[in-house]
């Protein structure tokens, strides 16, 4: 299956991209993608990362399906 990964904020700066496609086994979870991305971009591990799948907040246990959109971003603060 193929999942689109979107990077926002500091994660985009670290990855050097805003969007990539990742090929995964059919039984993959969000944490599987995150582990692969941290292996490719170790500086991601220096941040507290948040995930969303198809525009809904998710944790690493979220199962992925072909065509899903996984967004990775850091905490956002505002006032």
PDB file of N, CA and C in Angstrom:
ATOM      1  N   UNK A   1       0.839  -1.177   0.000  1.00  0.00           N
ATOM      2  CA  UNK A   1       0.000   0.000   0.000  1.00  0.00           C
ATOM      3  C   UNK A   1       0.881   1.236   0.000  1.00  0.00           C
ATOM      4  N   UNK A   2       0.298   2.342  -0.403  1.00  0.00           N
ATOM      5  CA  UNK A   2       1.014   3.613  -0.446  1.00  0.00           C
ATOM      6  C   UNK A   2       0.291   4.626   0.429  1.00  0.00           C
ATOM      7  N   UNK A   3       1.075   5.338   1.246  1.00  0.00           N
ATOM      8  CA  UNK A   3       0.547   6.370   2.141  1.00  0.00           C
ATOM      9  C   UNK A   3       1.266   7.675   1.832  1.00  0.00           C
ATOM     10  N   UNK A   4       0.511   8.760   1.776  1.00  0.00           N
ATOM     11  CA  UNK A   4       1.119  10.077   1.625  1.00  0.00           C
ATOM     12  C   UNK A   4       1.473  10.601   3.011  1.00  0.00           C
ATOM     13  N   UNK A   5       2.703  11.103   3.145  1.00  0.00           N
ATOM     14  CA  UNK A   5       3.152  11.682   4.407  1.00  0.00           C
ATOM     15  C   UNK A   5       3.359  13.169   4.196  1.00  0.00           C
ATOM     16  N   UNK A   6       2.673  13.960   5.020  1.00  0.00           N
ATOM     17  CA  UNK A   6       2.787  15.414   4.970  1.00  0.00           C
ATOM     18  C   UNK A   6       3.593  15.886   6.166  1.00  0.00           C
ATOM     19  N   UNK A   7       4.537  16.793   5.919  1.00  0.00           N
ATOM     20  CA  UNK A   7       5.360  17.367   6.975  1.00  0.00           C
ATOM     21  C   UNK A   7       4.966  18.829   7.158  1.00  0.00           C
ATOM     22  N   UNK A   8       4.872  19.257   8.421  1.00  0.00           N
ATOM     23  CA  UNK A   8       4.527  20.640   8.728  1.00  0.00           C
ATOM     24  C   UNK A   8       5.548  21.221   9.702  1.00  0.00           C
ATOM     25  N   UNK A   9       5.781  22.526   9.586  1.00  0.00           N
ATOM     26  CA  UNK A   9       6.656  23.228  10.521  1.00  0.00           C
ATOM     27  C   UNK A   9       8.073  22.692  10.517  1.00  0.00           C
ATOM     28  N   UNK A  10       8.583  22.457  11.725  1.00  0.00           N
ATOM     29  CA  UNK A  10       9.965  21.992  11.884  1.00  0.00           C
ATOM     30  C   UNK A  10      10.195  20.655  11.203  1.00  0.00           C
ATOM     31  N   UNK A  11       9.167  19.808  11.133  1.00  0.00           N
ATOM     32  CA  UNK A  11       9.360  18.502  10.495  1.00  0.00           C
ATOM     33  C   UNK A  11       9.645  18.663   9.004  1.00  0.00           C
ATOM     34  N   UNK A  12       9.017  19.635   8.369  1.00  0.00           N
ATOM     35  CA  UNK A  12       9.280  19.897   6.950  1.00  0.00           C
ATOM     36  C   UNK A  12      10.695  20.416   6.746  1.00  0.00           C
ATOM     37  N   UNK A  13      11.157  21.250   7.659  1.00  0.00           N
ATOM     38  CA  UNK A  13      12.529  21.756   7.576  1.00  0.00           C
ATOM     39  C   UNK A  13      13.527  20.610   7.696  1.00  0.00           C
ATOM     40  N   UNK A  14      13.272  19.693   8.607  1.00  0.00           N
ATOM     41  CA  UNK A  14      14.185  18.568   8.818  1.00  0.00           C
ATOM     42  C   UNK A  14      14.156  17.614   7.630  1.00  0.00           C
ATOM     43  N   UNK A  15      12.967  17.290   7.151  1.00  0.00           N
ATOM     44  CA  UNK A  15      12.838  16.346   6.030  1.00  0.00           C
ATOM     45  C   UNK A  15      13.255  16.972   4.707  1.00  0.00           C
ATOM     46  N   UNK A  16      13.197  18.302   4.645  1.00  0.00           N
ATOM     47  CA  UNK A  16      13.535  18.984   3.398  1.00  0.00           C
ATOM     48  C   UNK A  16      12.444  18.874   2.348  1.00  0.00           C
ATOM     49  N   UNK A  17      11.268  18.434   2.780  1.00  0.00           N
ATOM     50  CA  UNK A  17      10.129  18.251   1.879  1.00  0.00           C
ATOM     51  C   UNK A  17       8.849  18.500   2.657  1.00  0.00           C
ATOM     52  N   UNK A  18       7.797  18.731   1.937  1.00  0.00           N
ATOM     53  CA  UNK A  18       6.478  18.868   2.558  1.00  0.00           C
ATOM     54  C   UNK A  18       5.629  17.615   2.352  1.00  0.00           C
ATOM     55  N   UNK A  19       5.973  16.808   1.339  1.00  0.00           N
ATOM     56  CA  UNK A  19       5.155  15.642   0.988  1.00  0.00           C
ATOM     57  C   UNK A  19       6.032  14.550   0.426  1.00  0.00           C
ATOM     58  N   UNK A  20       5.819  13.319   0.906  1.00  0.00           N
ATOM     59  CA  UNK A  20       6.446  12.147   0.309  1.00  0.00           C
ATOM     60  C   UNK A  20       5.402  11.034   0.255  1.00  0.00           C
ATOM     61  N   UNK A  21       5.657  10.041  -0.566  1.00  0.00           N
ATOM     62  CA  UNK A  21       4.840   8.835  -0.577  1.00  0.00           C
ATOM     63  C   UNK A  21       5.696   7.695  -0.055  1.00  0.00           C
ATOM     64  N   UNK A  22       5.093   6.857   0.785  1.00  0.00           N
ATOM     65  CA  UNK A  22       5.803   5.752   1.396  1.00  0.00           C
ATOM     66  C   UNK A  22       5.061   4.459   1.062  1.00  0.00           C
ATOM     67  N   UNK A  23       5.798   3.476   0.577  1.00  0.00           N
ATOM     68  CA  UNK A  23       5.232   2.153   0.327  1.00  0.00           C
ATOM     69  C   UNK A  23       5.400   1.309   1.579  1.00  0.00           C
ATOM     70  N   UNK A  24       4.319   0.657   1.999  1.00  0.00           N
ATOM     71  CA  UNK A  24       4.295  -0.090   3.251  1.00  0.00           C
ATOM     72  C   UNK A  24       3.612  -1.438   3.074  1.00  0.00           C
ATOM     73  N   UNK A  25       3.924  -2.384   3.964  1.00  0.00           N
ATOM     74  CA  UNK A  25       3.146  -3.622   4.001  1.00  0.00           C
ATOM     75  C   UNK A  25       1.698  -3.325   4.410  1.00  0.00           C
ATOM     76  N   UNK A  26       0.790  -4.194   4.041  1.00  0.00           N
ATOM     77  CA  UNK A  26      -0.637  -3.947   4.272  1.00  0.00           C
ATOM     78  C   UNK A  26      -1.038  -3.806   5.738  1.00  0.00           C
ATOM     79  N   UNK A  27      -0.304  -4.378   6.663  1.00  0.00           N
ATOM     80  CA  UNK A  27      -0.700  -4.334   8.072  1.00  0.00           C
ATOM     81  C   UNK A  27       0.026  -3.244   8.860  1.00  0.00           C
ATOM     82  N   UNK A  28       0.463  -2.196   8.198  1.00  0.00           N
ATOM     83  CA  UNK A  28       1.269  -1.154   8.839  1.00  0.00           C
ATOM     84  C   UNK A  28       0.438  -0.214   9.701  1.00  0.00           C
ATOM     85  N   UNK A  29       1.130   0.329  10.696  1.00  0.00           N
ATOM     86  CA  UNK A  29       0.540   1.324  11.600  1.00  0.00           C
ATOM     87  C   UNK A  29       1.310   2.632  11.460  1.00  0.00           C
ATOM     88  N   UNK A  30       0.751   3.683  12.009  1.00  0.00           N
ATOM     89  CA  UNK A  30       1.390   4.998  11.947  1.00  0.00           C
ATOM     90  C   UNK A  30       2.793   4.956  12.557  1.00  0.00           C
ATOM     91  N   UNK A  31       2.970   4.195  13.623  1.00  0.00           N
ATOM     92  CA  UNK A  31       4.284   4.105  14.269  1.00  0.00           C
ATOM     93  C   UNK A  31       5.337   3.493  13.346  1.00  0.00           C
ATOM     94  N   UNK A  32       4.929   2.602  12.441  1.00  0.00           N
ATOM     95  CA  UNK A  32       5.873   2.009  11.488  1.00  0.00           C
ATOM     96  C   UNK A  32       6.445   3.080  10.562  1.00  0.00           C
ATOM     97  N   UNK A  33       5.587   3.974  10.120  1.00  0.00           N
ATOM     98  CA  UNK A  33       6.039   5.069   9.254  1.00  0.00           C
ATOM     99  C   UNK A  33       6.945   6.008  10.044  1.00  0.00           C
ATOM    100  N   UNK A  34       6.536   6.332  11.249  1.00  0.00           N
ATOM    101  CA  UNK A  34       7.320   7.244  12.077  1.00  0.00           C
ATOM    102  C   UNK A  34       8.717   6.678  12.346  1.00  0.00           C
ATOM    103  N   UNK A  35       8.810   5.405  12.655  1.00  0.00           N
ATOM    104  CA  UNK A  35      10.120   4.781  12.883  1.00  0.00           C
ATOM    105  C   UNK A  35      11.001   4.881  11.643  1.00  0.00           C
ATOM    106  N   UNK A  36      10.419   4.645  10.485  1.00  0.00           N
ATOM    107  CA  UNK A  36      11.181   4.735   9.240  1.00  0.00           C
ATOM    108  C   UNK A  36      11.655   6.159   8.990  1.00  0.00           C
ATOM    109  N   UNK A  37      10.782   7.129   9.243  1.00  0.00           N
ATOM    110  CA  UNK A  37      11.146   8.520   9.016  1.00  0.00           C
ATOM    111  C   UNK A  37      12.233   8.991   9.983  1.00  0.00           C
ATOM    112  N   UNK A  38      12.159   8.543  11.234  1.00  0.00           N
ATOM    113  CA  UNK A  38      13.201   8.908  12.193  1.00  0.00           C
ATOM    114  C   UNK A  38      14.532   8.273  11.800  1.00  0.00           C
ATOM    115  N   UNK A  39      14.493   7.061  11.264  1.00  0.00           N
ATOM    116  CA  UNK A  39      15.725   6.423  10.792  1.00  0.00           C
ATOM    117  C   UNK A  39      16.334   7.217   9.634  1.00  0.00           C
ATOM    118  N   UNK A  40      15.468   7.736   8.752  1.00  0.00           N
ATOM    119  CA  UNK A  40      15.941   8.528   7.606  1.00  0.00           C
ATOM    120  C   UNK A  40      16.332   9.950   7.999  1.00  0.00           C
ATOM    121  N   UNK A  41      15.688  10.489   9.016  1.00  0.00           N
ATOM    122  CA  UNK A  41      15.908  11.876   9.458  1.00  0.00           C
ATOM    123  C   UNK A  41      16.023  11.889  10.984  1.00  0.00           C
ATOM    124  N   UNK A  42      17.170  11.489  11.536  1.00  0.00           N
ATOM    125  CA  UNK A  42      17.315  11.335  12.991  1.00  0.00           C
ATOM    126  C   UNK A  42      16.967  12.579  13.807  1.00  0.00           C
ATOM    127  N   UNK A  43      17.092  13.759  13.237  1.00  0.00           N
ATOM    128  CA  UNK A  43      16.762  14.981  13.993  1.00  0.00           C
ATOM    129  C   UNK A  43      15.282  15.062  14.352  1.00  0.00           C
ATOM    130  N   UNK A  44      14.430  14.317  13.653  1.00  0.00           N
ATOM    131  CA  UNK A  44      13.013  14.288  14.024  1.00  0.00           C
ATOM    132  C   UNK A  44      12.832  13.791  15.450  1.00  0.00           C
ATOM    133  N   UNK A  45      13.742  12.934  15.894  1.00  0.00           N
ATOM    134  CA  UNK A  45      13.633  12.347  17.224  1.00  0.00           C
ATOM    135  C   UNK A  45      13.888  13.370  18.326  1.00  0.00           C
ATOM    136  N   UNK A  46      14.383  14.557  17.966  1.00  0.00           N
ATOM    137  CA  UNK A  46      14.623  15.619  18.940  1.00  0.00           C
ATOM    138  C   UNK A  46      13.359  16.411  19.258  1.00  0.00           C
ATOM    139  N   UNK A  47      12.253  16.089  18.616  1.00  0.00           N
ATOM    140  CA  UNK A  47      11.005  16.838  18.769  1.00  0.00           C
ATOM    141  C   UNK A  47       9.897  15.935  19.299  1.00  0.00           C
ATOM    142  N   UNK A  48       8.970  16.548  19.973  1.00  0.00           N
ATOM    143  CA  UNK A  48       7.754  15.832  20.354  1.00  0.00           C
ATOM    144  C   UNK A  48       6.818  15.894  19.154  1.00  0.00           C
ATOM    145  N   UNK A  49       6.627  14.761  18.530  1.00  0.00           N
ATOM    146  CA  UNK A  49       5.877  14.717  17.280  1.00  0.00           C
ATOM    147  C   UNK A  49       4.426  14.331  17.514  1.00  0.00           C
ATOM    148  N   UNK A  50       3.568  14.916  16.709  1.00  0.00           N
ATOM    149  CA  UNK A  50       2.144  14.604  16.720  1.00  0.00           C
ATOM    150  C   UNK A  50       1.772  14.068  15.348  1.00  0.00           C
ATOM    151  N   UNK A  51       0.744  13.232  15.327  1.00  0.00           N
ATOM    152  CA  UNK A  51       0.315  12.594  14.087  1.00  0.00           C
ATOM    153  C   UNK A  51      -1.161  12.838  13.849  1.00  0.00           C
ATOM    154  N   UNK A  52      -1.518  12.862  12.584  1.00  0.00           N
ATOM    155  CA  UNK A  52      -2.922  12.775  12.217  1.00  0.00           C
ATOM    156  C   UNK A  52      -3.019  11.871  11.000  1.00  0.00           C
ATOM    157  N   UNK A  53      -4.102  11.135  10.949  1.00  0.00           N
ATOM    158  CA  UNK A  53      -4.380  10.270   9.808  1.00  0.00           C
ATOM    159  C   UNK A  53      -5.701  10.744   9.215  1.00  0.00           C
ATOM    160  N   UNK A  54      -5.632  11.119   7.943  1.00  0.00           N
ATOM    161  CA  UNK A  54      -6.810  11.638   7.247  1.00  0.00           C
ATOM    162  C   UNK A  54      -7.455  12.787   8.016  1.00  0.00           C
ATOM    163  N   UNK A  55      -6.607  13.677   8.510  1.00  0.00           N
ATOM    164  CA  UNK A  55      -6.983  14.915   9.177  1.00  0.00           C
ATOM    165  C   UNK A  55      -7.660  14.716  10.535  1.00  0.00           C
ATOM    166  N   UNK A  56      -7.397  13.567  11.167  1.00  0.00           N
ATOM    167  CA  UNK A  56      -7.871  13.322  12.530  1.00  0.00           C
ATOM    168  C   UNK A  56      -6.673  12.944  13.387  1.00  0.00           C
ATOM    169  N   UNK A  57      -6.543  13.574  14.569  1.00  0.00           N
ATOM    170  CA  UNK A  57      -5.435  13.238  15.450  1.00  0.00           C
ATOM    171  C   UNK A  57      -5.392  11.734  15.665  1.00  0.00           C
ATOM    172  N   UNK A  58      -4.171  11.205  15.718  1.00  0.00           N
ATOM    173  CA  UNK A  58      -3.993   9.759  15.864  1.00  0.00           C
ATOM    174  C   UNK A  58      -2.761   9.482  16.705  1.00  0.00           C
ATOM    175  N   UNK A  59      -2.675   8.257  17.192  1.00  0.00           N
ATOM    176  CA  UNK A  59      -1.463   7.832  17.864  1.00  0.00           C
ATOM    177  C   UNK A  59      -0.788   6.767  16.998  1.00  0.00           C
ATOM    178  N   UNK A  60       0.323   6.259  17.467  1.00  0.00           N
ATOM    179  CA  UNK A  60       1.095   5.318  16.678  1.00  0.00           C
ATOM    180  C   UNK A  60       0.403   3.997  16.420  1.00  0.00           C
ATOM    181  N   UNK A  61      -0.615   3.676  17.209  1.00  0.00           N
ATOM    182  CA  UNK A  61      -1.330   2.411  17.031  1.00  0.00           C
ATOM    183  C   UNK A  61      -2.342   2.441  15.889  1.00  0.00           C
ATOM    184  N   UNK A  62      -2.557   3.591  15.300  1.00  0.00           N
ATOM    185  CA  UNK A  62      -3.552   3.731  14.241  1.00  0.00           C
ATOM    186  C   UNK A  62      -3.146   2.910  13.016  1.00  0.00           C
ATOM    187  N   UNK A  63      -4.012   2.007  12.602  1.00  0.00           N
ATOM    188  CA  UNK A  63      -3.774   1.214  11.394  1.00  0.00           C
ATOM    189  C   UNK A  63      -3.938   2.083  10.172  1.00  0.00           C
ATOM    190  N   UNK A  64      -3.121   1.831   9.181  1.00  0.00           N
ATOM    191  CA  UNK A  64      -3.159   2.602   7.940  1.00  0.00           C
ATOM    192  C   UNK A  64      -3.741   1.771   6.804  1.00  0.00           C
ATOM    193  N   UNK A  65      -4.335   2.475   5.856  1.00  0.00           N
ATOM    194  CA  UNK A  65      -4.895   1.855   4.664  1.00  0.00           C
ATOM    195  C   UNK A  65      -4.307   2.518   3.428  1.00  0.00           C
ATOM    196  N   UNK A  66      -4.361   1.813   2.328  1.00  0.00           N
ATOM    197  CA  UNK A  66      -3.863   2.353   1.074  1.00  0.00           C
ATOM    198  C   UNK A  66      -4.528   3.690   0.774  1.00  0.00           C
ATOM    199  N   UNK A  67      -3.708   4.683   0.447  1.00  0.00           N
ATOM    200  CA  UNK A  67      -4.215   6.002   0.107  1.00  0.00           C
ATOM    201  C   UNK A  67      -4.396   6.941   1.275  1.00  0.00           C
ATOM    202  N   UNK A  68      -4.139   6.476   2.492  1.00  0.00           N
ATOM    203  CA  UNK A  68      -4.270   7.354   3.665  1.00  0.00           C
ATOM    204  C   UNK A  68      -3.261   8.496   3.602  1.00  0.00           C
ATOM    205  N   UNK A  69      -3.584   9.546   4.331  1.00  0.00           N
ATOM    206  CA  UNK A  69      -2.716  10.709   4.470  1.00  0.00           C
ATOM    207  C   UNK A  69      -2.276  10.778   5.928  1.00  0.00           C
ATOM    208  N   UNK A  70      -0.976  10.687   6.155  1.00  0.00           N
ATOM    209  CA  UNK A  70      -0.406  10.778   7.492  1.00  0.00           C
ATOM    210  C   UNK A  70       0.339  12.092   7.606  1.00  0.00           C
ATOM    211  N   UNK A  71      -0.094  12.940   8.522  1.00  0.00           N
ATOM    212  CA  UNK A  71       0.579  14.229   8.741  1.00  0.00           C
ATOM    213  C   UNK A  71       1.414  14.131  10.006  1.00  0.00           C
ATOM    214  N   UNK A  72       2.620  14.719   9.926  1.00  0.00           N
ATOM    215  CA  UNK A  72       3.539  14.733  11.058  1.00  0.00           C
ATOM    216  C   UNK A  72       3.887  16.187  11.357  1.00  0.00           C
ATOM    217  N   UNK A  73       3.727  16.574  12.626  1.00  0.00           N
ATOM    218  CA  UNK A  73       3.966  17.963  12.980  1.00  0.00           C
ATOM    219  C   UNK A  73       4.383  18.048  14.438  1.00  0.00           C
ATOM    220  N   UNK A  74       4.949  19.182  14.809  1.00  0.00           N
ATOM    221  CA  UNK A  74       5.338  19.436  16.185  1.00  0.00           C
ATOM    222  C   UNK A  74       4.209  20.179  16.883  1.00  0.00           C
ATOM    223  N   UNK A  75       4.309  20.278  18.199  1.00  0.00           N
ATOM    224  CA  UNK A  75       3.299  20.990  18.971  1.00  0.00           C
ATOM    225  C   UNK A  75       3.191  22.430  18.469  1.00  0.00           C
ATOM    226  N   UNK A  76       1.970  22.899  18.440  1.00  0.00           N
ATOM    227  CA  UNK A  76       1.716  24.265  17.996  1.00  0.00           C
ATOM    228  C   UNK A  76       1.209  25.045  19.195  1.00  0.00           C
ATOM    229  N   UNK A  77       1.772  26.234  19.396  1.00  0.00           N
ATOM    230  CA  UNK A  77       1.304  27.066  20.495  1.00  0.00           C
ATOM    231  C   UNK A  77       0.831  28.401  19.945  1.00  0.00           C
ATOM    232  N   UNK A  78       0.020  29.010  20.678  1.00  0.00           N
ATOM    233  CA  UNK A  78      -0.484  30.310  20.239  1.00  0.00           C
ATOM    234  C   UNK A  78      -1.070  31.056  21.421  1.00  0.00           C
ATOM    235  N   UNK A  79      -1.498  32.231  21.150  1.00  0.00           N
ATOM    236  CA  UNK A  79      -2.037  33.013  22.240  1.00  0.00           C
ATOM    237  C   UNK A  79      -3.157  33.889  21.801  1.00  0.00           C
TER     238      UNK A  79
END
